[in-house]
Protein backbone atom coordinates (compact mmCIF):
# COMPACT_ATOMS: atom_id res chain seq x y z
CA MET A 1 -207.78 144.20 -30.22
CA ALA A 2 -209.75 147.44 -30.26
CA SER A 3 -213.07 147.33 -28.45
CA MET A 4 -216.53 148.02 -29.86
CA SER A 5 -218.12 151.23 -28.59
CA SER A 6 -221.55 150.04 -27.47
CA ASP A 7 -222.69 152.42 -24.72
CA LEU A 8 -225.86 153.71 -26.40
CA ARG A 9 -227.20 156.30 -23.97
CA ARG A 10 -230.71 157.73 -23.86
CA PRO A 11 -230.73 161.53 -24.28
CA THR A 12 -231.98 163.83 -21.54
CA ALA A 13 -231.74 167.56 -21.01
CA ALA A 14 -229.79 166.97 -17.79
CA THR A 15 -227.02 164.97 -19.42
CA ALA A 16 -226.77 167.52 -22.22
CA VAL A 17 -226.46 170.44 -19.82
CA SER A 18 -223.89 168.66 -17.65
CA CYS A 19 -221.80 167.85 -20.71
CA THR A 20 -221.95 171.47 -21.84
CA ALA A 21 -220.89 172.64 -18.41
CA ARG A 22 -217.85 170.36 -18.46
CA SER A 23 -216.73 171.46 -21.92
CA GLY A 24 -217.41 175.16 -21.34
CA ALA A 25 -218.77 175.73 -24.85
CA GLU A 26 -221.48 174.50 -27.14
CA PRO A 27 -220.05 171.72 -29.31
CA VAL A 28 -219.48 172.73 -32.93
CA LEU A 29 -218.45 169.86 -35.20
CA GLY A 30 -216.18 170.32 -38.19
CA PHE A 31 -215.91 167.58 -40.82
CA VAL A 32 -213.18 167.51 -43.46
CA LEU A 33 -214.71 165.53 -46.33
CA VAL A 34 -213.03 164.10 -49.40
CA GLY A 35 -214.81 165.16 -52.59
CA GLY A 36 -214.79 163.66 -56.06
CA ALA A 37 -215.76 160.14 -57.09
CA LEU A 38 -217.85 158.44 -54.42
CA VAL A 39 -215.93 156.23 -52.02
CA GLY A 40 -217.17 154.47 -48.92
CA ALA A 41 -215.38 156.82 -46.54
CA GLN A 42 -217.09 159.83 -48.09
CA ILE A 43 -220.52 158.20 -47.93
CA ARG A 44 -220.01 157.18 -44.31
CA ASP A 45 -219.10 160.71 -43.20
CA ILE A 46 -221.83 162.43 -45.24
CA ARG A 47 -224.35 160.22 -43.46
CA LEU A 48 -222.71 160.90 -40.09
CA ALA A 49 -222.64 164.67 -40.62
CA ASN A 50 -226.31 164.66 -41.61
CA GLU A 51 -227.21 162.50 -38.61
CA LEU A 52 -225.43 164.83 -36.18
CA ALA A 53 -227.11 167.86 -37.74
CA ARG A 54 -230.45 166.06 -37.31
CA ARG A 55 -229.58 165.65 -33.63
CA GLY A 56 -229.30 169.43 -33.29
CA TYR A 57 -225.53 169.87 -33.49
CA ARG A 58 -224.00 172.77 -35.36
CA VAL A 59 -221.99 171.18 -38.18
CA HIS A 60 -219.52 172.66 -40.66
CA VAL A 61 -217.95 170.79 -43.57
CA TRP A 62 -214.70 171.58 -45.36
CA TRP A 63 -214.34 169.90 -48.78
CA ALA A 64 -210.95 168.63 -49.93
CA PHE A 65 -210.01 167.70 -53.53
CA ASP A 66 -213.43 168.44 -55.07
CA ARG A 67 -216.92 169.52 -54.08
CA PRO A 68 -220.26 168.16 -55.33
CA ASP A 69 -222.47 170.38 -57.48
CA ASP A 70 -225.64 169.16 -55.76
CA SER A 71 -224.86 168.91 -52.08
CA PRO A 72 -225.83 165.66 -50.35
CA LEU A 73 -225.60 167.43 -47.01
CA ASP A 74 -228.39 168.57 -44.72
CA PRO A 75 -229.22 172.24 -45.50
CA ARG A 76 -228.42 173.14 -41.89
CA ILE A 77 -224.76 172.28 -42.52
CA THR A 78 -222.43 175.13 -43.54
CA GLN A 79 -219.96 174.20 -46.28
CA HIS A 80 -216.49 175.54 -47.13
CA TRP A 81 -213.57 174.78 -49.43
CA LEU A 82 -210.33 173.43 -47.96
CA PHE A 83 -208.37 172.82 -51.19
CA SER A 84 -208.84 171.42 -54.68
CA TRP A 85 -206.99 168.54 -56.38
CA SER A 86 -204.77 170.92 -58.31
CA ARG A 87 -203.28 172.66 -55.27
CA TYR A 88 -200.42 170.19 -54.90
CA ALA A 89 -199.74 169.60 -58.60
CA SER A 90 -196.09 169.89 -59.63
CA TRP A 91 -196.79 172.95 -61.77
CA GLY A 92 -197.38 176.48 -60.52
CA VAL A 93 -197.80 178.17 -57.17
CA PRO A 94 -200.12 176.20 -54.81
CA ALA A 95 -202.50 179.11 -54.18
CA VAL A 96 -202.82 179.86 -57.91
CA ALA A 97 -203.20 176.17 -58.79
CA ASP A 98 -205.86 175.85 -56.10
CA LEU A 99 -207.75 178.81 -57.54
CA LEU A 100 -207.69 177.19 -60.98
CA GLY A 101 -209.03 173.95 -59.49
CA ARG A 102 -211.90 175.78 -57.84
CA GLY A 103 -212.56 177.54 -61.13
CA ALA A 104 -212.91 174.16 -62.81
CA HIS A 105 -215.52 173.30 -60.19
CA VAL A 106 -217.54 176.36 -61.21
CA LEU A 107 -217.12 175.99 -64.99
CA LEU A 108 -217.30 172.21 -65.43
CA ARG A 109 -220.14 169.97 -64.34
CA GLU A 110 -219.45 167.34 -61.70
CA SER A 111 -220.29 164.52 -64.12
CA PHE A 112 -217.65 165.80 -66.56
CA ARG A 113 -215.03 166.23 -63.81
CA ASN A 114 -215.59 162.71 -62.51
CA ARG A 115 -215.63 161.20 -65.99
CA PHE A 116 -212.37 162.96 -66.85
CA ALA A 117 -210.74 161.81 -63.59
CA GLN A 118 -211.87 158.23 -64.17
CA THR A 119 -211.00 157.94 -67.86
CA CYS A 120 -207.88 160.08 -68.27
CA PRO A 121 -204.99 157.57 -67.99
CA GLY A 122 -203.06 157.98 -64.75
CA PHE A 123 -204.83 161.18 -63.68
CA MET A 124 -206.00 160.00 -60.26
CA ALA A 125 -202.70 158.26 -59.52
CA ARG A 126 -200.75 161.44 -60.29
CA GLN A 127 -203.04 163.58 -58.14
CA LEU A 128 -202.73 161.18 -55.22
CA ARG A 129 -198.95 161.12 -55.50
CA PHE A 130 -198.83 164.93 -55.43
CA VAL A 131 -200.93 165.03 -52.24
CA LEU A 132 -198.97 162.21 -50.61
CA LYS A 133 -195.70 164.03 -51.25
CA ALA A 134 -197.13 167.11 -49.54
CA VAL A 135 -198.36 165.03 -46.61
CA CYS A 136 -195.01 163.30 -46.13
CA ARG A 137 -193.16 166.59 -46.51
CA GLY A 138 -195.36 168.08 -43.80
CA VAL A 139 -198.59 169.96 -44.49
CA GLU A 140 -197.40 172.68 -42.10
CA SER A 141 -195.17 173.91 -44.92
CA ASP A 142 -198.32 175.04 -46.75
CA ARG A 143 -198.56 178.02 -44.41
CA ARG A 144 -201.15 179.98 -46.37
CA LEU A 145 -203.63 177.09 -46.40
CA ILE A 146 -203.11 176.10 -42.76
CA ARG A 147 -203.45 179.70 -41.54
CA ARG A 148 -206.65 180.16 -43.53
CA PHE A 149 -208.08 176.90 -42.21
CA ALA A 150 -207.14 177.80 -38.64
CA GLY A 151 -208.76 181.22 -39.01
CA GLU A 152 -212.00 179.64 -40.18
CA LEU A 153 -211.98 177.12 -37.32
CA GLY A 154 -211.64 179.98 -34.85
CA ARG A 155 -214.25 182.14 -36.57
CA TYR A 156 -216.86 179.38 -36.50
CA GLN A 157 -215.87 178.26 -32.97
CA VAL A 158 -215.30 174.65 -34.01
CA THR A 159 -214.67 172.43 -30.99
CA HIS A 160 -214.40 168.97 -32.60
CA LEU A 161 -212.70 168.08 -35.90
CA LEU A 162 -213.61 164.86 -37.74
CA PRO A 163 -211.53 164.33 -40.91
CA THR A 164 -212.87 161.68 -43.29
CA ILE A 165 -209.62 159.94 -44.19
CA GLU A 166 -206.37 159.57 -42.33
CA ILE A 167 -204.26 161.94 -44.42
CA LEU A 168 -206.76 164.78 -43.89
CA ALA A 169 -206.21 164.44 -40.13
CA LEU A 170 -202.76 165.93 -40.70
CA PHE A 171 -204.36 169.14 -42.01
CA ALA A 172 -206.72 169.19 -39.03
CA ARG A 173 -203.84 168.83 -36.57
CA ALA A 174 -201.73 171.53 -38.22
CA ALA A 175 -204.61 174.02 -38.22
CA ARG A 176 -205.86 173.33 -34.70
CA ASN A 177 -202.38 174.05 -33.34
CA LEU A 178 -202.81 177.66 -34.52
CA VAL A 179 -206.26 178.15 -32.95
CA PRO A 180 -206.22 179.66 -29.41
CA SER A 181 -209.18 177.52 -28.32
CA ARG A 182 -207.35 174.44 -29.65
CA PRO A 183 -210.22 172.32 -31.03
CA ARG A 184 -209.83 168.59 -30.59
CA TYR A 185 -209.63 166.14 -33.47
CA LEU A 186 -210.47 162.49 -34.07
CA VAL A 187 -208.68 160.21 -36.56
CA THR A 188 -210.73 157.65 -38.49
CA PHE A 189 -209.01 154.84 -40.38
CA GLN A 190 -210.92 153.91 -43.52
CA GLY A 191 -208.54 153.61 -46.46
CA TYR A 192 -204.91 154.16 -45.44
CA GLU A 193 -203.87 150.93 -47.19
CA VAL A 194 -205.04 152.24 -50.58
CA TYR A 195 -203.07 155.47 -50.20
CA GLY A 196 -200.17 153.43 -48.84
CA MET A 197 -200.05 151.52 -52.12
CA TYR A 198 -199.50 154.75 -54.05
CA ALA A 199 -196.99 155.97 -51.47
CA ARG A 200 -195.06 152.71 -51.92
CA GLU A 201 -194.74 153.37 -55.65
CA ILE A 202 -192.86 156.62 -54.94
CA GLY A 203 -190.83 155.27 -52.02
CA LEU A 204 -192.84 157.05 -49.31
CA GLU A 205 -194.85 154.26 -47.68
CA GLN A 206 -192.89 154.27 -44.42
CA ALA A 207 -192.84 158.06 -44.33
CA LEU A 208 -196.63 158.06 -44.72
CA PHE A 209 -197.07 155.47 -41.99
CA ASP A 210 -194.81 157.50 -39.67
CA ARG A 211 -197.00 160.56 -40.25
CA LEU A 212 -200.14 158.57 -39.47
CA VAL A 213 -198.66 157.25 -36.23
CA GLU A 214 -197.76 160.81 -35.21
CA VAL A 215 -201.22 162.19 -35.93
CA VAL A 216 -202.86 159.40 -33.89
CA LYS A 217 -200.52 159.98 -30.94
CA ASP A 218 -201.34 163.70 -30.96
CA SER A 219 -205.11 163.19 -31.27
CA ASP A 220 -207.56 163.60 -28.42
CA TRP A 221 -209.31 160.22 -28.55
CA PRO A 222 -208.41 156.70 -29.64
CA ALA A 223 -208.67 156.54 -33.43
CA ILE A 224 -211.68 154.86 -35.00
CA ALA A 225 -211.22 151.69 -37.03
CA VAL A 226 -214.30 150.62 -38.98
CA SER A 227 -214.00 146.93 -38.02
CA ALA A 228 -212.11 144.73 -35.56
CA PRO A 229 -210.10 142.90 -38.27
CA TYR A 230 -209.14 146.28 -39.71
CA ALA A 231 -207.98 147.44 -36.28
CA GLY A 232 -205.77 144.35 -36.10
CA ARG A 233 -204.28 145.15 -39.49
CA ILE A 234 -203.57 148.73 -38.43
CA GLU A 235 -201.82 147.48 -35.30
CA ARG A 236 -199.65 145.11 -37.37
CA GLU A 237 -198.76 147.48 -40.19
CA LEU A 238 -198.45 150.80 -38.36
CA GLY A 239 -197.34 149.53 -34.98
CA LEU A 240 -200.12 151.22 -33.04
CA ASP A 241 -201.20 149.80 -29.70
CA ALA A 242 -204.69 148.36 -29.26
CA SER A 243 -205.43 151.07 -26.68
CA GLN A 244 -205.02 153.69 -29.43
CA LEU A 245 -207.92 152.28 -31.46
CA VAL A 246 -211.64 151.74 -31.01
CA THR A 247 -213.94 149.88 -33.40
CA ILE A 248 -217.03 151.74 -34.62
CA PRO A 249 -218.64 150.43 -37.82
CA PRO A 250 -220.15 152.76 -40.44
CA GLY A 251 -223.90 153.18 -40.79
CA VAL A 252 -226.43 152.66 -43.56
CA PRO A 253 -230.08 153.72 -43.91
CA VAL A 254 -232.48 150.98 -42.83
CA GLY A 255 -236.24 150.58 -42.70
CA ASP A 256 -237.26 151.69 -46.21
CA GLN A 257 -237.57 148.44 -48.15
CA VAL A 258 -238.52 148.90 -51.80
CA ASN A 259 -241.58 147.06 -53.14
CA LEU A 260 -240.32 144.05 -55.12
CA ARG A 261 -242.50 144.63 -58.19
CA GLN A 262 -241.55 148.32 -58.28
CA ALA A 263 -237.89 147.37 -57.93
CA ARG A 264 -238.06 145.00 -60.88
CA ASP A 265 -239.86 147.60 -62.96
CA ALA A 266 -237.18 150.17 -62.13
CA VAL A 267 -234.39 147.77 -63.13
CA ALA A 268 -236.20 146.86 -66.36
CA SER A 269 -236.61 150.53 -67.26
CA GLN A 270 -232.84 151.04 -67.08
CA PHE A 271 -231.72 147.69 -68.49
CA PRO A 272 -233.94 146.54 -71.40
CA GLN A 273 -232.16 143.15 -71.48
CA TYR A 274 -233.09 142.42 -67.84
CA ARG A 275 -235.30 139.33 -67.44
CA PRO A 276 -237.11 139.19 -64.07
CA GLU A 277 -237.71 135.43 -64.34
CA ILE A 278 -233.94 134.75 -64.21
CA PRO A 279 -232.13 135.17 -60.84
CA LEU A 280 -230.19 138.44 -60.74
CA VAL A 281 -226.75 138.53 -59.09
CA THR A 282 -225.47 142.05 -58.48
CA TYR A 283 -222.27 143.88 -57.63
CA ILE A 284 -222.50 147.59 -56.83
CA GLY A 285 -219.43 149.60 -55.90
CA ARG A 286 -216.23 150.97 -57.32
CA GLN A 287 -215.01 149.14 -60.42
CA ASP A 288 -211.36 149.22 -59.36
CA SER A 289 -208.79 146.44 -59.29
CA GLU A 290 -208.98 145.70 -55.56
CA LYS A 291 -212.70 144.86 -55.85
CA GLY A 292 -212.13 141.45 -57.50
CA LEU A 293 -214.77 141.69 -60.23
CA ASP A 294 -212.88 139.23 -62.41
CA LEU A 295 -213.41 136.57 -59.70
CA LEU A 296 -217.16 137.14 -59.94
CA LEU A 297 -217.04 136.78 -63.72
CA TYR A 298 -215.17 133.47 -63.47
CA ALA A 299 -217.62 132.19 -60.84
CA ALA A 300 -220.59 133.15 -63.01
CA ARG A 301 -219.09 131.23 -65.92
CA MET A 302 -218.51 128.16 -63.71
CA LEU A 303 -222.15 128.19 -62.65
CA LYS A 304 -223.38 128.55 -66.21
CA GLN A 305 -221.16 125.62 -67.15
CA ARG A 306 -223.04 123.59 -64.52
CA GLY A 307 -226.38 124.59 -66.00
CA ILE A 308 -227.29 127.14 -63.29
CA GLU A 309 -229.02 130.10 -64.90
CA LEU A 310 -228.30 133.64 -63.70
CA GLN A 311 -227.88 137.17 -64.96
CA LEU A 312 -225.18 139.51 -63.71
CA ALA A 313 -225.30 143.24 -62.97
CA ILE A 314 -222.12 145.25 -62.31
CA CYS A 315 -222.60 148.94 -61.54
CA GLY A 316 -220.54 151.74 -60.06
CA PRO A 317 -217.89 154.35 -60.87
CA THR A 318 -214.13 154.06 -60.60
CA ALA A 319 -211.88 156.15 -58.39
CA PHE A 320 -208.55 155.31 -60.01
CA GLY A 321 -209.19 155.19 -63.76
CA GLY A 322 -211.18 152.92 -66.05
CA ALA A 323 -208.51 150.40 -67.13
CA TYR A 324 -209.69 147.61 -64.82
CA ALA A 325 -213.36 148.07 -65.72
CA GLN A 326 -212.45 147.87 -69.39
CA ALA A 327 -210.44 144.70 -68.79
CA CYS A 328 -213.38 143.12 -66.95
CA GLY A 329 -215.62 144.00 -69.87
CA GLN A 330 -213.25 142.16 -72.19
CA ILE A 331 -213.13 139.16 -69.82
CA ALA A 332 -216.94 139.03 -69.80
CA GLU A 333 -216.97 138.99 -73.60
CA HIS A 334 -214.46 136.12 -73.72
CA LEU A 335 -216.53 134.17 -71.17
CA ARG A 336 -219.74 134.85 -73.13
CA ILE A 337 -221.37 136.53 -70.13
CA ASN A 338 -223.85 139.31 -70.78
CA VAL A 339 -223.50 141.87 -68.00
CA LEU A 340 -226.00 144.58 -67.08
CA SER A 341 -223.34 147.26 -66.79
CA ARG A 342 -223.46 150.87 -65.72
CA GLY A 343 -221.12 153.40 -64.15
CA TYR A 344 -222.68 155.88 -61.77
CA ILE A 345 -226.25 155.01 -60.74
CA THR A 346 -228.84 156.93 -58.73
CA ASN A 347 -229.69 156.01 -55.16
CA GLU A 348 -233.13 154.93 -56.39
CA LEU A 349 -231.71 152.49 -58.94
CA ARG A 350 -229.17 151.31 -56.38
CA SER A 351 -231.94 150.37 -53.93
CA ALA A 352 -234.00 148.80 -56.71
CA LEU A 353 -231.09 146.60 -57.80
CA PHE A 354 -230.49 145.46 -54.23
CA ARG A 355 -234.17 144.57 -53.79
CA ALA A 356 -234.58 142.86 -57.17
CA SER A 357 -231.46 140.70 -56.77
CA ARG A 358 -231.40 137.09 -55.68
CA ALA A 359 -227.99 137.80 -54.14
CA VAL A 360 -225.49 140.65 -53.91
CA VAL A 361 -221.81 139.69 -54.16
CA TYR A 362 -218.84 141.67 -52.82
CA PRO A 363 -215.73 139.85 -54.14
CA SER A 364 -213.03 142.22 -52.80
CA ILE A 365 -209.44 140.94 -52.75
CA HIS A 366 -207.76 143.39 -50.37
CA GLU A 367 -208.91 142.79 -46.78
CA GLU A 368 -211.77 145.25 -47.10
CA PRO A 369 -211.97 147.40 -43.92
CA PHE A 370 -215.77 147.23 -43.86
CA GLY A 371 -218.18 147.15 -46.81
CA MET A 372 -221.33 149.25 -46.78
CA VAL A 373 -222.69 147.67 -49.98
CA PRO A 374 -223.43 144.28 -48.33
CA VAL A 375 -225.18 146.01 -45.43
CA GLU A 376 -227.25 148.18 -47.78
CA ALA A 377 -228.27 145.04 -49.68
CA MET A 378 -229.29 143.28 -46.45
CA ALA A 379 -231.35 146.34 -45.52
CA GLN A 380 -233.42 145.50 -48.62
CA GLY A 381 -233.82 141.90 -47.43
CA THR A 382 -231.35 140.45 -49.94
CA PRO A 383 -228.74 137.84 -48.90
CA VAL A 384 -225.10 138.72 -49.58
CA LEU A 385 -221.88 136.87 -50.33
CA VAL A 386 -218.61 138.27 -48.96
CA PRO A 387 -214.98 137.08 -48.67
CA ASP A 388 -213.78 135.44 -45.47
CA LEU A 389 -210.96 137.96 -45.00
CA GLY A 390 -210.96 141.49 -43.61
CA GLY A 391 -213.66 143.53 -41.92
CA VAL A 392 -216.24 142.66 -44.55
CA SER A 393 -216.20 139.03 -43.37
CA GLY A 394 -217.97 139.91 -40.12
CA LEU A 395 -220.91 141.75 -41.68
CA VAL A 396 -223.12 138.77 -42.44
CA SER A 397 -224.15 138.06 -38.84
CA ALA A 398 -225.30 140.25 -35.95
CA GLY A 399 -228.01 140.24 -33.32
CA GLY A 400 -228.31 136.46 -33.46
CA ALA A 401 -229.25 136.54 -37.16
CA GLU A 402 -227.46 135.79 -40.42
CA GLY A 403 -227.92 137.62 -43.69
CA GLY A 404 -225.32 136.07 -45.96
CA LEU A 405 -222.52 133.60 -46.64
CA ARG A 406 -218.74 133.79 -46.87
CA PHE A 407 -216.46 132.40 -49.56
CA GLY A 408 -212.72 131.79 -49.60
CA CYS A 409 -211.01 135.06 -50.47
CA TRP A 410 -209.30 135.07 -53.90
CA ASP A 411 -210.98 131.74 -54.74
CA SER A 412 -213.44 131.93 -57.65
CA GLY A 413 -214.27 128.23 -57.17
CA SER A 414 -215.35 128.84 -53.58
CA LEU A 415 -217.29 131.90 -54.71
CA ALA A 416 -219.09 129.80 -57.35
CA CYS A 417 -219.93 127.11 -54.78
CA GLN A 418 -221.44 129.53 -52.26
CA LEU A 419 -223.23 131.53 -54.93
CA GLY A 420 -224.70 128.28 -56.19
CA ARG A 421 -226.16 127.69 -52.72
CA LEU A 422 -227.85 131.10 -52.77
CA LEU A 423 -229.26 130.40 -56.22
CA CYS A 424 -230.39 126.79 -55.74
CA ASP A 425 -230.97 126.15 -52.01
CA GLU A 426 -234.37 127.69 -51.30
CA ALA A 427 -234.28 126.94 -47.56
CA CYS A 428 -230.86 128.54 -47.17
CA HIS A 429 -231.88 131.60 -49.18
CA ALA A 430 -235.13 132.04 -47.22
CA ARG A 431 -233.32 131.80 -43.87
CA LEU A 432 -230.76 134.43 -44.86
CA ALA A 433 -233.37 136.72 -46.43
CA ASN A 434 -235.38 136.59 -43.18
CA GLY A 435 -232.32 137.53 -41.11
CA ALA A 436 -230.86 140.15 -43.44
CA GLN A 437 -232.72 143.18 -42.13
CA THR A 438 -231.97 142.26 -38.50
CA VAL A 439 -228.27 142.21 -39.35
CA ALA A 440 -228.52 145.53 -41.22
CA GLU A 441 -230.21 147.26 -38.28
CA HIS A 442 -227.07 146.62 -36.22
CA PHE A 443 -225.26 148.96 -38.65
CA SER A 444 -227.85 151.75 -38.93
CA VAL A 445 -226.91 155.42 -39.34
CA GLU A 446 -228.62 156.16 -36.01
CA ARG A 447 -226.36 153.69 -34.22
CA LEU A 448 -223.31 155.16 -35.94
CA GLY A 449 -224.28 158.58 -34.60
CA GLU A 450 -224.81 157.23 -31.09
CA ARG A 451 -221.49 155.37 -31.09
CA VAL A 452 -219.45 158.32 -32.34
CA LEU A 453 -221.05 160.76 -29.89
CA THR A 454 -220.44 158.34 -27.03
CA HIS A 455 -216.80 158.06 -28.08
CA LEU A 456 -216.50 161.87 -28.11
CA ASP A 457 -218.19 162.05 -24.69
CA LEU A 458 -221.01 164.13 -26.16
CA PRO A 459 -224.74 163.67 -25.49
CA GLU A 460 -226.86 161.95 -28.11
CA TYR A 461 -228.59 165.25 -28.83
CA SER A 462 -227.07 168.72 -28.81
CA PRO A 463 -227.36 170.72 -25.57
CA ARG A 464 -229.25 173.36 -27.55
CA LEU A 465 -231.88 170.88 -28.78
CA SER A 466 -232.17 169.15 -25.41
CA GLN A 467 -232.65 172.44 -23.55
CA LEU A 468 -235.21 173.57 -26.10
CA LEU A 469 -237.28 170.39 -25.96
CA GLY A 470 -236.51 169.23 -22.42
CA ASP A 471 -238.41 166.00 -21.75
CA SER A 472 -241.05 166.86 -24.33
CA PRO A 473 -242.87 164.29 -26.48
CA GLU A 474 -240.95 165.59 -29.50
CA LEU A 475 -237.61 164.52 -28.02
CA GLU A 476 -239.07 161.19 -26.94
CA ALA A 477 -240.29 160.63 -30.50
CA ILE A 478 -236.84 161.39 -31.91
CA SER A 479 -235.28 159.05 -29.36
CA ALA A 480 -237.70 156.27 -30.25
CA ARG A 481 -236.81 156.53 -33.95
CA ALA A 482 -233.12 156.19 -33.13
CA ALA A 483 -233.59 153.28 -30.71
């Protein structure tokens, strides 16, 4: 099984200079981020890019598929287009189709683009199939795009490439092979199984897996898997060796717990039917079929049947169309469950819901690779309930503390039983609430940055920042915040 990267080094000017001397050039990091509807992989890499910029590294970002109107990136980060969703559509010339897609970005607001993608029947599935066909055919055949990307990598002197999702690593490899300085690239696994499902529908699953194996073999470091169970799944399904993988979990912001009264007021302002005297059980995340929201609805009905009072909140966008969310809404009506429901929510409301909840449930049915939502909830001191399968199962304990419970995956009865404990067992709830933040701190953004830089054999702070500050109090203060 892949090992956890845990060598968290203290930064010094000496180590930074020695690293620079070995590499021969100042590190310049290039991320290839997936745009469009928020997914966990995108959030993880936005946080990582911002963290590395905070540590003094020069960071560039290339956006694929779409690009946000209001950038979530640190202003020190330079942003570029790689390609839009329309580039690989079956109609038109790729370069012209790409130009039209970028034009839509300029003319249409992000909220409209996301709403269209999520509500237009089959839109996201078609777009994914187009891209997967291009990937399996070989992205090198898109010579114009790869040459442009390679030229930009050379112009900005990028030394390290970090694509968000596995299929984007193929674009990174193709471009780096045309750059004289040959920048190195790192593969991160955080969603291949979802794209594999769409590839299976068009008979390309094995072709996709073959491409992923190739891009890992050609990469410059062992690929990152976001959890140990996920690494095991990758080994089984793709045939990679354990030595080709390393486990580095994503990171979430910790340390800014919302005031409970303010959190309840914020929830009440957005949901007039919210009643603070009734325990709130919350799901936040994508409302797509693999997330198992119907299991949560059945469990809530079972508990109500037993006389256990609760109110349910389900919030988040979809990435693959709104059919499942609509079906869950109909199920809730049949079960006579009133749900506080919303699509996209702000980060402020997200944190308020976590803090105001008695418990946060993550009922995923597909061996979730990780699960940032449970960790974000624990960062607010709220116990969580997760399935006992996949990478998400290991998130409820760390550092000798526990912040949640597990239930039997796919089993709404088990979910109801464990949720009942969180609602009715005060001692159990208090113990988990006390341990939740300790668990969350194990998965902080600062630790993610440290672990990734260690894996890349880079210092915790850029050589430029370390040389500028030396052993000054400013650098010590930054180090203390990350410790």
